[in-house]
N, C-alpha and C. Protein backbone atom coordinates (compact mmCIF):
# COMPACT_ATOMS: atom_id res chain seq x y z
N MET A 1 0.85 -1.17 0.00
CA MET A 1 0.00 0.00 0.00
C MET A 1 0.90 1.23 0.00
N ALA A 2 0.58 2.16 -0.83
CA ALA A 2 1.36 3.40 -0.92
C ALA A 2 1.08 4.29 0.29
N LEU A 3 2.05 5.09 0.68
CA LEU A 3 1.91 5.96 1.84
C LEU A 3 0.72 6.90 1.75
N PRO A 4 0.47 7.56 0.61
CA PRO A 4 -0.71 8.43 0.55
C PRO A 4 -2.02 7.69 0.80
N SER A 5 -2.14 6.49 0.29
CA SER A 5 -3.34 5.68 0.52
C SER A 5 -3.46 5.30 1.99
N PHE A 6 -2.35 4.94 2.58
CA PHE A 6 -2.33 4.58 4.00
C PHE A 6 -2.74 5.77 4.86
N MET A 7 -2.19 6.94 4.55
CA MET A 7 -2.49 8.14 5.32
C MET A 7 -3.97 8.53 5.16
N LYS A 8 -4.53 8.27 4.01
CA LYS A 8 -5.95 8.54 3.79
C LYS A 8 -6.79 7.67 4.72
N HIS A 9 -6.41 6.41 4.86
CA HIS A 9 -7.12 5.51 5.78
C HIS A 9 -6.96 5.97 7.23
N ILE A 10 -5.76 6.37 7.59
CA ILE A 10 -5.51 6.86 8.95
C ILE A 10 -6.37 8.10 9.22
N HIS A 11 -6.42 9.00 8.26
CA HIS A 11 -7.22 10.21 8.41
C HIS A 11 -8.71 9.86 8.59
N LEU A 12 -9.20 8.91 7.81
CA LEU A 12 -10.59 8.49 7.91
C LEU A 12 -10.88 7.89 9.29
N LEU A 13 -9.99 7.05 9.78
CA LEU A 13 -10.16 6.46 11.11
C LEU A 13 -10.15 7.52 12.20
N LYS A 14 -9.28 8.51 12.04
CA LYS A 14 -9.18 9.60 13.02
C LYS A 14 -10.45 10.45 12.99
N GLU A 15 -10.92 10.81 11.81
CA GLU A 15 -12.12 11.63 11.67
C GLU A 15 -13.36 10.92 12.20
N SER A 16 -13.40 9.61 12.09
CA SER A 16 -14.55 8.85 12.57
C SER A 16 -14.49 8.60 14.07
N GLY A 17 -13.37 8.96 14.70
CA GLY A 17 -13.24 8.82 16.15
C GLY A 17 -12.78 7.46 16.61
N TRP A 18 -12.28 6.64 15.69
CA TRP A 18 -11.83 5.30 16.07
C TRP A 18 -10.40 5.27 16.58
N ILE A 19 -9.61 6.25 16.15
CA ILE A 19 -8.22 6.34 16.62
C ILE A 19 -7.87 7.78 16.93
N GLN A 20 -6.80 7.96 17.68
CA GLN A 20 -6.18 9.26 17.90
C GLN A 20 -4.77 9.17 17.35
N THR A 21 -4.26 10.28 16.83
CA THR A 21 -2.89 10.27 16.34
C THR A 21 -2.10 11.38 17.03
N HIS A 22 -0.83 11.11 17.15
CA HIS A 22 0.09 12.09 17.73
C HIS A 22 1.35 12.06 16.88
N LYS A 23 1.73 13.22 16.37
CA LYS A 23 2.91 13.27 15.52
C LYS A 23 4.03 13.98 16.27
N GLU A 24 5.18 13.29 16.31
CA GLU A 24 6.37 13.85 16.94
C GLU A 24 7.52 13.67 15.96
N GLY A 25 7.95 14.77 15.34
CA GLY A 25 8.98 14.69 14.31
C GLY A 25 8.41 13.97 13.10
N ARG A 26 9.10 12.93 12.69
CA ARG A 26 8.64 12.14 11.54
C ARG A 26 7.81 10.92 11.94
N VAL A 27 7.59 10.78 13.23
CA VAL A 27 6.88 9.60 13.74
C VAL A 27 5.45 9.96 14.11
N ARG A 28 4.51 9.21 13.58
CA ARG A 28 3.09 9.37 13.93
C ARG A 28 2.67 8.14 14.71
N THR A 29 2.16 8.36 15.91
CA THR A 29 1.70 7.29 16.77
C THR A 29 0.18 7.29 16.78
N CYS A 30 -0.38 6.13 16.57
CA CYS A 30 -1.84 5.99 16.56
C CYS A 30 -2.26 5.15 17.76
N THR A 31 -3.33 5.57 18.43
CA THR A 31 -3.89 4.80 19.53
C THR A 31 -5.37 4.58 19.27
N ILE A 32 -5.84 3.42 19.63
CA ILE A 32 -7.25 3.05 19.43
C ILE A 32 -8.10 3.73 20.50
N GLU A 33 -9.24 4.24 20.08
CA GLU A 33 -10.22 4.82 21.00
C GLU A 33 -11.17 3.72 21.43
N LYS A 34 -10.96 3.18 22.61
CA LYS A 34 -11.75 2.05 23.08
C LYS A 34 -13.23 2.39 23.22
N LYS A 35 -13.54 3.63 23.56
CA LYS A 35 -14.95 4.03 23.72
C LYS A 35 -15.71 3.87 22.40
N SER A 36 -15.05 4.17 21.30
CA SER A 36 -15.70 4.05 20.00
C SER A 36 -16.03 2.61 19.66
N PHE A 37 -15.22 1.70 20.13
CA PHE A 37 -15.44 0.29 19.84
C PHE A 37 -16.48 -0.33 20.76
N ALA A 38 -16.85 0.36 21.83
CA ALA A 38 -17.85 -0.17 22.76
C ALA A 38 -19.18 -0.36 22.06
N ALA A 39 -19.57 0.60 21.23
CA ALA A 39 -20.84 0.49 20.50
C ALA A 39 -20.79 -0.69 19.53
N VAL A 40 -19.67 -0.89 18.89
CA VAL A 40 -19.52 -2.01 17.96
C VAL A 40 -19.60 -3.33 18.73
N GLU A 41 -18.93 -3.40 19.85
CA GLU A 41 -18.94 -4.61 20.66
C GLU A 41 -20.35 -4.93 21.16
N GLU A 42 -21.08 -3.90 21.55
CA GLU A 42 -22.45 -4.10 22.01
C GLU A 42 -23.32 -4.67 20.88
N TRP A 43 -23.20 -4.09 19.69
CA TRP A 43 -23.98 -4.57 18.55
C TRP A 43 -23.60 -6.01 18.21
N LEU A 44 -22.30 -6.30 18.20
CA LEU A 44 -21.85 -7.65 17.89
C LEU A 44 -22.36 -8.65 18.92
N SER A 45 -22.37 -8.27 20.18
CA SER A 45 -22.88 -9.16 21.23
C SER A 45 -24.35 -9.47 21.02
N GLU A 46 -25.13 -8.43 20.65
CA GLU A 46 -26.55 -8.65 20.38
C GLU A 46 -26.73 -9.59 19.19
N GLN A 47 -25.96 -9.38 18.14
CA GLN A 47 -26.05 -10.22 16.95
C GLN A 47 -25.63 -11.65 17.27
N ARG A 48 -24.58 -11.79 18.05
CA ARG A 48 -24.10 -13.13 18.43
C ARG A 48 -25.18 -13.88 19.19
N ALA A 49 -25.82 -13.22 20.16
CA ALA A 49 -26.88 -13.86 20.94
C ALA A 49 -28.05 -14.24 20.04
N LEU A 50 -28.42 -13.36 19.14
CA LEU A 50 -29.52 -13.63 18.22
C LEU A 50 -29.23 -14.86 17.36
N TRP A 51 -28.04 -14.90 16.76
CA TRP A 51 -27.72 -16.01 15.86
C TRP A 51 -27.44 -17.30 16.60
N GLU A 52 -26.92 -17.23 17.81
CA GLU A 52 -26.74 -18.45 18.59
C GLU A 52 -28.09 -19.06 18.93
N GLY A 53 -29.06 -18.20 19.26
CA GLY A 53 -30.41 -18.69 19.55
C GLY A 53 -31.02 -19.35 18.32
N ARG A 54 -30.84 -18.72 17.17
CA ARG A 54 -31.39 -19.28 15.93
C ARG A 54 -30.74 -20.61 15.57
N THR A 55 -29.43 -20.69 15.70
CA THR A 55 -28.76 -21.95 15.34
C THR A 55 -29.09 -23.05 16.35
N ASP A 56 -29.29 -22.66 17.62
CA ASP A 56 -29.70 -23.66 18.61
C ASP A 56 -31.07 -24.22 18.28
N ARG A 57 -32.01 -23.35 17.88
CA ARG A 57 -33.34 -23.82 17.51
C ARG A 57 -33.28 -24.68 16.25
N LEU A 58 -32.44 -24.32 15.31
CA LEU A 58 -32.27 -25.12 14.09
C LEU A 58 -31.74 -26.50 14.44
N GLU A 59 -30.78 -26.55 15.34
CA GLU A 59 -30.23 -27.84 15.75
C GLU A 59 -31.31 -28.71 16.40
N LEU A 60 -32.13 -28.12 17.25
CA LEU A 60 -33.21 -28.88 17.88
C LEU A 60 -34.20 -29.39 16.84
N PHE A 61 -34.52 -28.56 15.87
CA PHE A 61 -35.44 -28.97 14.81
C PHE A 61 -34.87 -30.12 14.00
N VAL A 62 -33.63 -30.01 13.57
CA VAL A 62 -33.00 -31.05 12.76
C VAL A 62 -32.90 -32.34 13.56
N THR A 63 -32.53 -32.26 14.80
CA THR A 63 -32.43 -33.45 15.66
C THR A 63 -33.80 -34.11 15.81
N ALA A 64 -34.85 -33.31 16.00
CA ALA A 64 -36.19 -33.87 16.14
C ALA A 64 -36.64 -34.56 14.85
N VAL A 65 -36.35 -33.95 13.72
CA VAL A 65 -36.72 -34.56 12.43
C VAL A 65 -35.97 -35.87 12.23
N GLN A 66 -34.69 -35.90 12.56
CA GLN A 66 -33.89 -37.13 12.41
C GLN A 66 -34.42 -38.24 13.31
N LYS A 67 -34.79 -37.89 14.55
CA LYS A 67 -35.33 -38.89 15.47
C LYS A 67 -36.66 -39.43 14.95
N LYS A 68 -37.48 -38.53 14.42
CA LYS A 68 -38.78 -38.94 13.88
C LYS A 68 -38.61 -39.89 12.70
N GLU A 69 -37.65 -39.60 11.82
CA GLU A 69 -37.39 -40.45 10.64
C GLU A 69 -36.84 -41.81 11.06
N LYS A 70 -36.02 -41.86 12.09
CA LYS A 70 -35.45 -43.12 12.56
C LYS A 70 -36.53 -44.00 13.20
N SER A 71 -37.53 -43.38 13.82
CA SER A 71 -38.56 -44.16 14.51
C SER A 71 -39.60 -44.74 13.55
N LYS A 72 -39.58 -44.33 12.30
CA LYS A 72 -40.54 -44.86 11.31
C LYS A 72 -40.20 -46.25 10.88
């Protein structure tokens, strides 16, 4: 990745509040903003719980169908 493209990504992350940057001389240090990721983590946790519930119900359904077919 070329430096200008990389810097564009860094700028976008900084503007969106996901990172902070500090430039000292020729060195730019980036730190992650943990507060910004809290909303993402909350959403992911909700989605994880939703899909785990759905896959658990699917497993129960498939198991019940298999048991019913075996008993015939």
